[in-house]
Amino acid sequence: MRLSTRGRYAVMAMVELAARARGHSCADDSHAPGAGVHEARERPVSLSEIAQAQCLSVAYLEQLFARLRRAGLVASARGPGGGYRLALAPEHIAIGTIIDAVDEPITATRCDEGSPGCLTGNRCLTHDLWHELGEQIRLFLQHTTLSDVVEGRVCGRALPPAPGTLPGTSPETA
């Protein structure tokens, strides 16, 4: 799968912003999921605070937050004490939407968008396999919200297939 630092860093920064809106920082080891829930309209958070908490570059965050703001995911406040806050409640912002906002395609194939195929202009035999994997990842990220991540509700969401649905298995042997 191709997911560059742009998508990964945008998600990390938005999770930090959502965590601070809930009253804690991701860098705060004393955080327990569900603790410190506050109204989502807290004070704006500066990019330098996010950069420090997530060990990211402020200059890179400036580029990402410009895209996130244009996508309507964050709102900015200027002046002393200014910064960014979520434009929507964390439960209304999907991780997939964040990745889309920074123009990060989620693909597992090695084909370039619009190209005729994987190998010398032809589709390889595994193309559909990798394409479907990319779709599953995209669906997972579209159905996982900032709130899910901040509140620790991500583990266990990827479920294995039901017994007997995989080739070579039966409900009796599973």
N, C-alpha and C. Protein backbone atom coordinates (compact mmCIF):
# COMPACT_ATOMS: atom_id res chain seq x y z
N MET A 1 0.84 -1.18 0.00
CA MET A 1 0.00 0.00 0.00
C MET A 1 0.88 1.24 0.00
N ARG A 2 0.46 2.23 -0.71
CA ARG A 2 1.19 3.50 -0.74
C ARG A 2 0.44 4.53 0.09
N LEU A 3 1.02 4.88 1.21
CA LEU A 3 0.50 5.98 2.03
C LEU A 3 1.72 6.74 2.49
N SER A 4 1.93 7.90 1.90
CA SER A 4 3.15 8.66 2.21
C SER A 4 3.02 9.35 3.56
N THR A 5 4.08 10.02 3.92
CA THR A 5 4.08 10.75 5.19
C THR A 5 3.01 11.84 5.20
N ARG A 6 2.63 12.35 4.04
CA ARG A 6 1.62 13.40 4.00
C ARG A 6 0.32 12.94 4.65
N GLY A 7 -0.20 11.80 4.25
CA GLY A 7 -1.43 11.28 4.84
C GLY A 7 -1.25 10.89 6.29
N ARG A 8 -0.16 10.21 6.59
CA ARG A 8 0.11 9.76 7.95
C ARG A 8 0.25 10.95 8.90
N TYR A 9 1.01 11.96 8.50
CA TYR A 9 1.22 13.13 9.36
C TYR A 9 -0.06 13.93 9.54
N ALA A 10 -0.88 14.01 8.49
CA ALA A 10 -2.15 14.74 8.60
C ALA A 10 -3.04 14.05 9.64
N VAL A 11 -3.09 12.73 9.61
CA VAL A 11 -3.89 12.00 10.59
C VAL A 11 -3.33 12.20 11.99
N MET A 12 -2.02 12.09 12.14
CA MET A 12 -1.40 12.29 13.46
C MET A 12 -1.72 13.67 14.02
N ALA A 13 -1.62 14.69 13.18
CA ALA A 13 -1.89 16.06 13.62
C ALA A 13 -3.36 16.25 13.99
N MET A 14 -4.26 15.68 13.19
CA MET A 14 -5.68 15.81 13.49
C MET A 14 -6.08 15.05 14.74
N VAL A 15 -5.46 13.91 14.98
CA VAL A 15 -5.72 13.17 16.22
C VAL A 15 -5.23 13.99 17.41
N GLU A 16 -4.09 14.62 17.27
CA GLU A 16 -3.58 15.49 18.35
C GLU A 16 -4.56 16.63 18.61
N LEU A 17 -5.06 17.24 17.56
CA LEU A 17 -6.01 18.33 17.69
C LEU A 17 -7.30 17.85 18.36
N ALA A 18 -7.79 16.68 17.97
CA ALA A 18 -9.00 16.11 18.57
C ALA A 18 -8.76 15.76 20.04
N ALA A 19 -7.59 15.21 20.34
CA ALA A 19 -7.26 14.86 21.72
C ALA A 19 -7.23 16.10 22.60
N ARG A 20 -6.66 17.17 22.09
CA ARG A 20 -6.60 18.42 22.87
C ARG A 20 -7.99 19.02 23.04
N ALA A 21 -8.85 18.85 22.04
CA ALA A 21 -10.22 19.34 22.17
C ALA A 21 -10.96 18.57 23.26
N ARG A 22 -10.52 17.34 23.50
CA ARG A 22 -11.11 16.50 24.54
C ARG A 22 -10.42 16.68 25.88
N GLY A 23 -9.41 17.54 25.92
CA GLY A 23 -8.77 17.86 27.20
C GLY A 23 -7.47 17.15 27.49
N HIS A 24 -6.85 16.54 26.48
CA HIS A 24 -5.56 15.91 26.71
C HIS A 24 -4.75 15.92 25.41
N SER A 25 -3.47 15.63 25.54
CA SER A 25 -2.58 15.55 24.39
C SER A 25 -2.21 14.10 24.16
N CYS A 26 -1.95 13.75 22.92
CA CYS A 26 -1.49 12.39 22.61
C CYS A 26 -0.15 12.12 23.28
N ALA A 27 0.63 13.16 23.50
CA ALA A 27 1.94 13.01 24.14
C ALA A 27 1.80 12.81 25.65
N ASP A 28 0.62 13.00 26.20
CA ASP A 28 0.37 12.85 27.63
C ASP A 28 0.18 11.38 27.97
N ASP A 29 1.15 10.78 28.65
CA ASP A 29 1.09 9.36 29.00
C ASP A 29 0.03 9.04 30.02
N SER A 30 -0.48 10.04 30.72
CA SER A 30 -1.48 9.78 31.75
C SER A 30 -2.88 9.65 31.18
N HIS A 31 -3.01 9.77 29.84
CA HIS A 31 -4.32 9.70 29.18
C HIS A 31 -4.91 8.30 29.25
N ALA A 32 -6.14 8.22 29.61
CA ALA A 32 -6.89 6.97 29.50
C ALA A 32 -8.05 7.24 28.55
N PRO A 33 -8.37 6.30 27.64
CA PRO A 33 -9.49 6.55 26.72
C PRO A 33 -10.75 6.96 27.46
N GLY A 34 -11.38 8.02 26.97
CA GLY A 34 -12.62 8.50 27.57
C GLY A 34 -12.41 9.54 28.66
N ALA A 35 -11.18 9.72 29.10
CA ALA A 35 -10.92 10.67 30.19
C ALA A 35 -10.82 12.08 29.64
N GLY A 36 -11.21 13.04 30.43
CA GLY A 36 -11.03 14.45 30.08
C GLY A 36 -11.87 14.93 28.92
N VAL A 37 -13.05 14.41 28.75
CA VAL A 37 -13.90 14.84 27.63
C VAL A 37 -14.41 16.25 27.90
N HIS A 38 -14.14 17.15 26.96
CA HIS A 38 -14.54 18.55 27.07
C HIS A 38 -15.31 18.93 25.83
N GLU A 39 -15.92 20.05 25.86
CA GLU A 39 -16.59 20.60 24.68
C GLU A 39 -15.56 20.77 23.56
N ALA A 40 -15.92 20.40 22.33
CA ALA A 40 -14.99 20.40 21.20
C ALA A 40 -14.57 21.81 20.77
N ARG A 41 -15.13 22.84 21.28
CA ARG A 41 -14.76 24.21 20.90
C ARG A 41 -13.80 24.82 21.93
N GLU A 42 -12.70 24.14 22.18
CA GLU A 42 -11.69 24.63 23.09
C GLU A 42 -10.84 25.69 22.40
N ARG A 43 -9.84 26.14 23.10
CA ARG A 43 -8.94 27.16 22.55
C ARG A 43 -8.22 26.62 21.33
N PRO A 44 -7.89 27.50 20.39
CA PRO A 44 -7.13 27.05 19.22
C PRO A 44 -5.76 26.50 19.64
N VAL A 45 -5.27 25.56 18.89
CA VAL A 45 -3.97 24.94 19.17
C VAL A 45 -3.01 25.38 18.08
N SER A 46 -1.84 25.85 18.48
CA SER A 46 -0.86 26.31 17.50
C SER A 46 -0.19 25.11 16.83
N LEU A 47 0.28 25.35 15.61
CA LEU A 47 0.98 24.29 14.90
C LEU A 47 2.26 23.90 15.61
N SER A 48 2.89 24.85 16.29
CA SER A 48 4.11 24.50 17.02
C SER A 48 3.81 23.55 18.18
N GLU A 49 2.65 23.69 18.81
CA GLU A 49 2.27 22.76 19.87
C GLU A 49 2.03 21.36 19.30
N ILE A 50 1.35 21.30 18.17
CA ILE A 50 1.10 20.01 17.52
C ILE A 50 2.41 19.40 17.06
N ALA A 51 3.27 20.21 16.45
CA ALA A 51 4.56 19.73 15.96
C ALA A 51 5.40 19.17 17.11
N GLN A 52 5.43 19.86 18.22
CA GLN A 52 6.21 19.39 19.36
C GLN A 52 5.64 18.08 19.92
N ALA A 53 4.34 18.00 20.06
CA ALA A 53 3.71 16.81 20.63
C ALA A 53 3.89 15.59 19.73
N GLN A 54 3.89 15.79 18.42
CA GLN A 54 3.96 14.68 17.47
C GLN A 54 5.32 14.54 16.80
N CYS A 55 6.29 15.37 17.19
CA CYS A 55 7.65 15.34 16.59
C CYS A 55 7.58 15.50 15.08
N LEU A 56 6.86 16.53 14.65
CA LEU A 56 6.70 16.84 13.23
C LEU A 56 7.25 18.23 12.94
N SER A 57 7.47 18.52 11.68
CA SER A 57 7.96 19.82 11.24
C SER A 57 6.81 20.83 11.16
N VAL A 58 7.01 22.01 11.71
CA VAL A 58 5.99 23.07 11.64
C VAL A 58 5.75 23.47 10.19
N ALA A 59 6.81 23.58 9.41
CA ALA A 59 6.67 23.97 8.01
C ALA A 59 5.81 22.95 7.24
N TYR A 60 6.01 21.69 7.51
CA TYR A 60 5.22 20.65 6.85
C TYR A 60 3.77 20.71 7.31
N LEU A 61 3.56 20.94 8.61
CA LEU A 61 2.20 21.07 9.13
C LEU A 61 1.47 22.25 8.52
N GLU A 62 2.18 23.34 8.25
CA GLU A 62 1.55 24.51 7.61
C GLU A 62 0.95 24.12 6.26
N GLN A 63 1.69 23.34 5.49
CA GLN A 63 1.19 22.89 4.19
C GLN A 63 -0.04 21.99 4.37
N LEU A 64 0.03 21.06 5.31
CA LEU A 64 -1.07 20.14 5.53
C LEU A 64 -2.31 20.86 6.03
N PHE A 65 -2.14 21.79 6.98
CA PHE A 65 -3.29 22.47 7.54
C PHE A 65 -3.94 23.43 6.56
N ALA A 66 -3.20 23.93 5.60
CA ALA A 66 -3.82 24.74 4.54
C ALA A 66 -4.81 23.87 3.75
N ARG A 67 -4.43 22.65 3.46
CA ARG A 67 -5.32 21.72 2.74
C ARG A 67 -6.49 21.29 3.62
N LEU A 68 -6.22 21.02 4.89
CA LEU A 68 -7.28 20.61 5.81
C LEU A 68 -8.30 21.73 6.01
N ARG A 69 -7.82 22.97 6.03
CA ARG A 69 -8.73 24.12 6.18
C ARG A 69 -9.59 24.27 4.93
N ARG A 70 -8.98 24.15 3.76
CA ARG A 70 -9.75 24.24 2.51
C ARG A 70 -10.80 23.14 2.41
N ALA A 71 -10.53 22.00 3.01
CA ALA A 71 -11.48 20.88 3.00
C ALA A 71 -12.56 21.03 4.07
N GLY A 72 -12.46 22.07 4.89
CA GLY A 72 -13.47 22.31 5.92
C GLY A 72 -13.33 21.43 7.15
N LEU A 73 -12.15 20.88 7.37
CA LEU A 73 -11.94 20.00 8.52
C LEU A 73 -11.41 20.74 9.74
N VAL A 74 -10.71 21.86 9.50
CA VAL A 74 -10.21 22.68 10.61
C VAL A 74 -10.58 24.13 10.34
N ALA A 75 -10.63 24.88 11.42
CA ALA A 75 -10.85 26.33 11.34
C ALA A 75 -9.65 26.99 11.99
N SER A 76 -9.26 28.13 11.45
CA SER A 76 -8.10 28.83 12.00
C SER A 76 -8.54 30.08 12.74
N ALA A 77 -7.73 30.44 13.73
CA ALA A 77 -7.93 31.67 14.48
C ALA A 77 -6.62 32.43 14.46
N ARG A 78 -6.66 33.68 14.05
CA ARG A 78 -5.45 34.50 13.95
C ARG A 78 -5.18 35.25 15.24
N GLY A 79 -3.97 35.77 15.33
CA GLY A 79 -3.60 36.62 16.45
C GLY A 79 -3.01 35.86 17.62
N PRO A 80 -2.72 36.62 18.70
CA PRO A 80 -2.17 35.98 19.89
C PRO A 80 -3.14 34.92 20.41
N GLY A 81 -2.62 33.78 20.74
CA GLY A 81 -3.47 32.70 21.19
C GLY A 81 -4.19 32.00 20.05
N GLY A 82 -3.81 32.33 18.82
CA GLY A 82 -4.45 31.74 17.66
C GLY A 82 -3.92 30.35 17.36
N GLY A 83 -4.48 29.76 16.36
CA GLY A 83 -4.09 28.41 15.97
C GLY A 83 -5.22 27.75 15.22
N TYR A 84 -5.38 26.47 15.44
CA TYR A 84 -6.41 25.70 14.74
C TYR A 84 -7.27 24.94 15.73
N ARG A 85 -8.51 24.71 15.31
CA ARG A 85 -9.42 23.83 16.04
C ARG A 85 -10.19 23.04 15.01
N LEU A 86 -10.79 21.95 15.45
CA LEU A 86 -11.59 21.14 14.54
C LEU A 86 -12.80 21.94 14.09
N ALA A 87 -13.14 21.83 12.81
CA ALA A 87 -14.33 22.52 12.29
C ALA A 87 -15.58 21.69 12.52
N LEU A 88 -15.40 20.40 12.78
CA LEU A 88 -16.51 19.48 13.04
C LEU A 88 -16.19 18.68 14.29
N ALA A 89 -17.18 18.08 14.87
CA ALA A 89 -16.95 17.21 16.02
C ALA A 89 -16.11 16.00 15.58
N PRO A 90 -15.24 15.50 16.44
CA PRO A 90 -14.37 14.38 16.07
C PRO A 90 -15.12 13.15 15.56
N GLU A 91 -16.33 12.94 16.05
CA GLU A 91 -17.10 11.77 15.58
C GLU A 91 -17.65 11.97 14.17
N HIS A 92 -17.49 13.16 13.61
CA HIS A 92 -17.97 13.45 12.26
C HIS A 92 -16.82 13.60 11.26
N ILE A 93 -15.60 13.29 11.69
CA ILE A 93 -14.45 13.39 10.78
C ILE A 93 -13.84 12.00 10.63
N ALA A 94 -14.00 11.43 9.44
CA ALA A 94 -13.44 10.11 9.14
C ALA A 94 -11.95 10.24 8.82
N ILE A 95 -11.19 9.25 9.21
CA ILE A 95 -9.76 9.22 8.91
C ILE A 95 -9.55 9.26 7.39
N GLY A 96 -10.38 8.54 6.66
CA GLY A 96 -10.29 8.55 5.20
C GLY A 96 -10.51 9.93 4.61
N THR A 97 -11.37 10.73 5.22
CA THR A 97 -11.62 12.10 4.75
C THR A 97 -10.38 12.97 4.94
N ILE A 98 -9.68 12.76 6.04
CA ILE A 98 -8.44 13.51 6.29
C ILE A 98 -7.42 13.17 5.22
N ILE A 99 -7.26 11.90 4.94
CA ILE A 99 -6.29 11.46 3.93
C ILE A 99 -6.67 12.01 2.56
N ASP A 100 -7.95 11.97 2.23
CA ASP A 100 -8.41 12.55 0.96
C ASP A 100 -8.13 14.04 0.88
N ALA A 101 -8.29 14.74 2.00
CA ALA A 101 -8.11 16.19 2.03
C ALA A 101 -6.68 16.61 1.70
N VAL A 102 -5.72 15.78 2.02
CA VAL A 102 -4.33 16.13 1.72
C VAL A 102 -3.87 15.47 0.42
N ASP A 103 -4.87 15.06 -0.40
CA ASP A 103 -4.61 14.49 -1.72
C ASP A 103 -3.72 13.27 -1.68
N GLU A 104 -3.99 12.41 -0.72
CA GLU A 104 -3.20 11.19 -0.59
C GLU A 104 -4.02 10.01 -1.09
N PRO A 105 -3.69 9.47 -2.27
CA PRO A 105 -4.44 8.32 -2.75
C PRO A 105 -4.10 7.08 -1.93
N ILE A 106 -5.11 6.26 -1.65
CA ILE A 106 -4.89 5.01 -0.94
C ILE A 106 -4.96 3.90 -1.97
N THR A 107 -3.81 3.41 -2.37
CA THR A 107 -3.78 2.35 -3.37
C THR A 107 -2.83 1.25 -2.92
N ALA A 108 -3.14 0.04 -3.29
CA ALA A 108 -2.26 -1.08 -3.01
C ALA A 108 -1.67 -1.64 -4.30
N THR A 109 -2.17 -1.20 -5.46
CA THR A 109 -1.62 -1.66 -6.73
C THR A 109 -0.38 -0.83 -7.06
N ARG A 110 0.40 -1.33 -7.97
CA ARG A 110 1.56 -0.55 -8.40
C ARG A 110 1.27 0.25 -9.66
N CYS A 111 0.02 0.19 -10.12
CA CYS A 111 -0.39 0.95 -11.29
C CYS A 111 -0.53 2.43 -10.94
N ASP A 112 -0.12 3.28 -11.84
CA ASP A 112 -0.37 4.70 -11.66
C ASP A 112 -1.77 5.00 -12.15
N GLU A 113 -2.44 5.96 -11.52
CA GLU A 113 -3.80 6.36 -11.91
C GLU A 113 -3.82 6.73 -13.38
N GLY A 114 -4.71 6.11 -14.13
CA GLY A 114 -4.87 6.42 -15.55
C GLY A 114 -3.91 5.69 -16.46
N SER A 115 -3.01 4.87 -15.90
CA SER A 115 -2.08 4.14 -16.75
C SER A 115 -2.76 2.90 -17.33
N PRO A 116 -2.24 2.37 -18.43
CA PRO A 116 -2.90 1.23 -19.05
C PRO A 116 -2.74 -0.08 -18.27
N GLY A 117 -1.78 -0.19 -17.39
CA GLY A 117 -1.64 -1.44 -16.64
C GLY A 117 -0.42 -1.48 -15.76
N CYS A 118 -0.23 -2.62 -15.14
CA CYS A 118 0.83 -2.82 -14.16
C CYS A 118 2.17 -3.15 -14.81
N LEU A 119 2.13 -4.03 -15.80
CA LEU A 119 3.35 -4.53 -16.44
C LEU A 119 3.30 -4.25 -17.93
N THR A 120 4.22 -3.48 -18.40
CA THR A 120 4.34 -3.17 -19.83
C THR A 120 2.99 -2.90 -20.51
N GLY A 121 2.17 -2.13 -19.83
CA GLY A 121 0.89 -1.74 -20.42
C GLY A 121 -0.24 -2.73 -20.23
N ASN A 122 -0.01 -3.82 -19.53
CA ASN A 122 -1.04 -4.83 -19.29
C ASN A 122 -1.28 -4.97 -17.79
N ARG A 123 -2.51 -5.35 -17.47
CA ARG A 123 -2.82 -5.61 -16.07
C ARG A 123 -2.21 -6.94 -15.65
N CYS A 124 -1.57 -6.96 -14.50
CA CYS A 124 -1.02 -8.21 -14.00
C CYS A 124 -2.14 -9.07 -13.41
N LEU A 125 -1.85 -10.34 -13.21
CA LEU A 125 -2.86 -11.26 -12.69
C LEU A 125 -3.29 -10.91 -11.27
N THR A 126 -2.43 -10.23 -10.51
CA THR A 126 -2.77 -9.90 -9.12
C THR A 126 -3.39 -8.51 -8.97
N HIS A 127 -3.61 -7.82 -10.08
CA HIS A 127 -4.14 -6.46 -10.02
C HIS A 127 -5.43 -6.38 -9.21
N ASP A 128 -6.40 -7.25 -9.50
CA ASP A 128 -7.68 -7.19 -8.79
C ASP A 128 -7.53 -7.47 -7.30
N LEU A 129 -6.61 -8.36 -6.95
CA LEU A 129 -6.34 -8.66 -5.54
C LEU A 129 -5.88 -7.40 -4.81
N TRP A 130 -4.89 -6.72 -5.37
CA TRP A 130 -4.35 -5.52 -4.72
C TRP A 130 -5.35 -4.37 -4.76
N HIS A 131 -6.10 -4.27 -5.84
CA HIS A 131 -7.12 -3.22 -5.92
C HIS A 131 -8.17 -3.42 -4.82
N GLU A 132 -8.62 -4.65 -4.63
CA GLU A 132 -9.62 -4.94 -3.60
C GLU A 132 -9.06 -4.68 -2.20
N LEU A 133 -7.79 -5.01 -1.98
CA LEU A 133 -7.16 -4.71 -0.69
C LEU A 133 -7.18 -3.20 -0.44
N GLY A 134 -6.86 -2.42 -1.45
CA GLY A 134 -6.91 -0.96 -1.31
C GLY A 134 -8.30 -0.47 -0.97
N GLU A 135 -9.32 -1.09 -1.60
CA GLU A 135 -10.71 -0.72 -1.30
C GLU A 135 -11.08 -1.06 0.14
N GLN A 136 -10.62 -2.20 0.63
CA GLN A 136 -10.90 -2.58 2.02
C GLN A 136 -10.25 -1.59 2.99
N ILE A 137 -9.05 -1.17 2.69
CA ILE A 137 -8.36 -0.18 3.53
C ILE A 137 -9.12 1.13 3.50
N ARG A 138 -9.52 1.55 2.29
CA ARG A 138 -10.28 2.80 2.15
C ARG A 138 -11.57 2.74 2.95
N LEU A 139 -12.30 1.63 2.87
CA LEU A 139 -13.55 1.48 3.62
C LEU A 139 -13.30 1.52 5.13
N PHE A 140 -12.26 0.85 5.57
CA PHE A 140 -11.92 0.86 7.00
C PHE A 140 -11.66 2.29 7.48
N LEU A 141 -10.87 3.04 6.71
CA LEU A 141 -10.54 4.41 7.10
C LEU A 141 -11.74 5.35 7.01
N GLN A 142 -12.66 5.10 6.07
CA GLN A 142 -13.87 5.93 5.95
C GLN A 142 -14.85 5.65 7.09
N HIS A 143 -14.73 4.49 7.73
CA HIS A 143 -15.63 4.15 8.83
C HIS A 143 -14.95 4.21 10.19
N THR A 144 -13.78 4.83 10.24
CA THR A 144 -13.07 5.06 11.49
C THR A 144 -12.93 6.57 11.65
N THR A 145 -13.39 7.10 12.78
CA THR A 145 -13.38 8.54 12.99
C THR A 145 -12.26 8.97 13.93
N LEU A 146 -12.03 10.27 13.97
CA LEU A 146 -11.08 10.82 14.95
C LEU A 146 -11.48 10.42 16.36
N SER A 147 -12.75 10.47 16.63
CA SER A 147 -13.25 10.09 17.95
C SER A 147 -12.90 8.64 18.27
N ASP A 148 -13.04 7.75 17.30
CA ASP A 148 -12.68 6.34 17.50
C ASP A 148 -11.22 6.22 17.91
N VAL A 149 -10.35 6.95 17.24
CA VAL A 149 -8.91 6.88 17.53
C VAL A 149 -8.62 7.45 18.91
N VAL A 150 -9.13 8.65 19.19
CA VAL A 150 -8.85 9.31 20.47
C VAL A 150 -9.40 8.50 21.64
N GLU A 151 -10.55 7.89 21.46
CA GLU A 151 -11.18 7.14 22.54
C GLU A 151 -10.74 5.67 22.59
N GLY A 152 -9.79 5.28 21.75
CA GLY A 152 -9.25 3.94 21.79
C GLY A 152 -10.18 2.86 21.27
N ARG A 153 -11.01 3.19 20.28
CA ARG A 153 -11.97 2.23 19.74
C ARG A 153 -11.58 1.72 18.36
N VAL A 154 -10.30 1.50 18.13
CA VAL A 154 -9.85 1.03 16.82
C VAL A 154 -9.52 -0.46 16.85
N CYS A 155 -8.86 -0.94 17.88
CA CYS A 155 -8.49 -2.35 17.96
C CYS A 155 -9.73 -3.24 17.94
N GLY A 156 -9.65 -4.30 17.18
CA GLY A 156 -10.75 -5.24 17.09
C GLY A 156 -11.78 -4.92 16.03
N ARG A 157 -11.58 -3.84 15.28
CA ARG A 157 -12.55 -3.46 14.25
C ARG A 157 -12.38 -4.25 12.96
N ALA A 158 -11.16 -4.70 12.72
CA ALA A 158 -10.92 -5.52 11.52
C ALA A 158 -11.20 -6.96 11.92
N LEU A 159 -12.32 -7.47 11.47
CA LEU A 159 -12.75 -8.81 11.87
C LEU A 159 -12.38 -9.84 10.82
N PRO A 160 -11.99 -11.04 11.27
CA PRO A 160 -11.71 -12.10 10.30
C PRO A 160 -13.01 -12.57 9.66
N PRO A 161 -12.91 -13.21 8.51
CA PRO A 161 -14.12 -13.74 7.87
C PRO A 161 -14.77 -14.80 8.75
N ALA A 162 -16.05 -15.01 8.54
CA ALA A 162 -16.78 -16.02 9.29
C ALA A 162 -16.22 -17.40 8.98
N PRO A 163 -16.24 -18.33 9.95
CA PRO A 163 -15.74 -19.68 9.70
C PRO A 163 -16.43 -20.30 8.48
N GLY A 164 -15.61 -21.00 7.70
CA GLY A 164 -16.15 -21.67 6.52
C GLY A 164 -16.22 -20.81 5.28
N THR A 165 -15.82 -19.51 5.37
CA THR A 165 -15.90 -18.65 4.21
C THR A 165 -14.56 -18.55 3.47
N LEU A 166 -13.49 -19.03 4.09
CA LEU A 166 -12.19 -19.04 3.43
C LEU A 166 -12.00 -20.35 2.71
N PRO A 167 -11.33 -20.33 1.55
CA PRO A 167 -11.07 -21.58 0.84
C PRO A 167 -10.31 -22.55 1.73
N GLY A 168 -10.72 -23.82 1.71
CA GLY A 168 -10.02 -24.84 2.48
C GLY A 168 -10.47 -24.94 3.93
N THR A 169 -11.50 -24.16 4.32
CA THR A 169 -11.98 -24.26 5.70
C THR A 169 -13.45 -24.64 5.67
N SER A 170 -13.87 -25.18 6.76
CA SER A 170 -15.30 -25.49 6.92
C SER A 170 -15.69 -25.08 8.34
N PRO A 171 -16.97 -24.86 8.58
CA PRO A 171 -17.38 -24.46 9.93
C PRO A 171 -16.97 -25.48 10.98
N GLU A 172 -16.87 -26.76 10.61
CA GLU A 172 -16.51 -27.80 11.58
C GLU A 172 -15.05 -27.74 11.97
N THR A 173 -14.16 -27.34 11.02
CA THR A 173 -12.72 -27.32 11.31
C THR A 173 -12.23 -26.00 11.82
N ALA A 174 -13.04 -24.97 11.75
CA ALA A 174 -12.60 -23.63 12.15
C ALA A 174 -12.67 -23.46 13.64
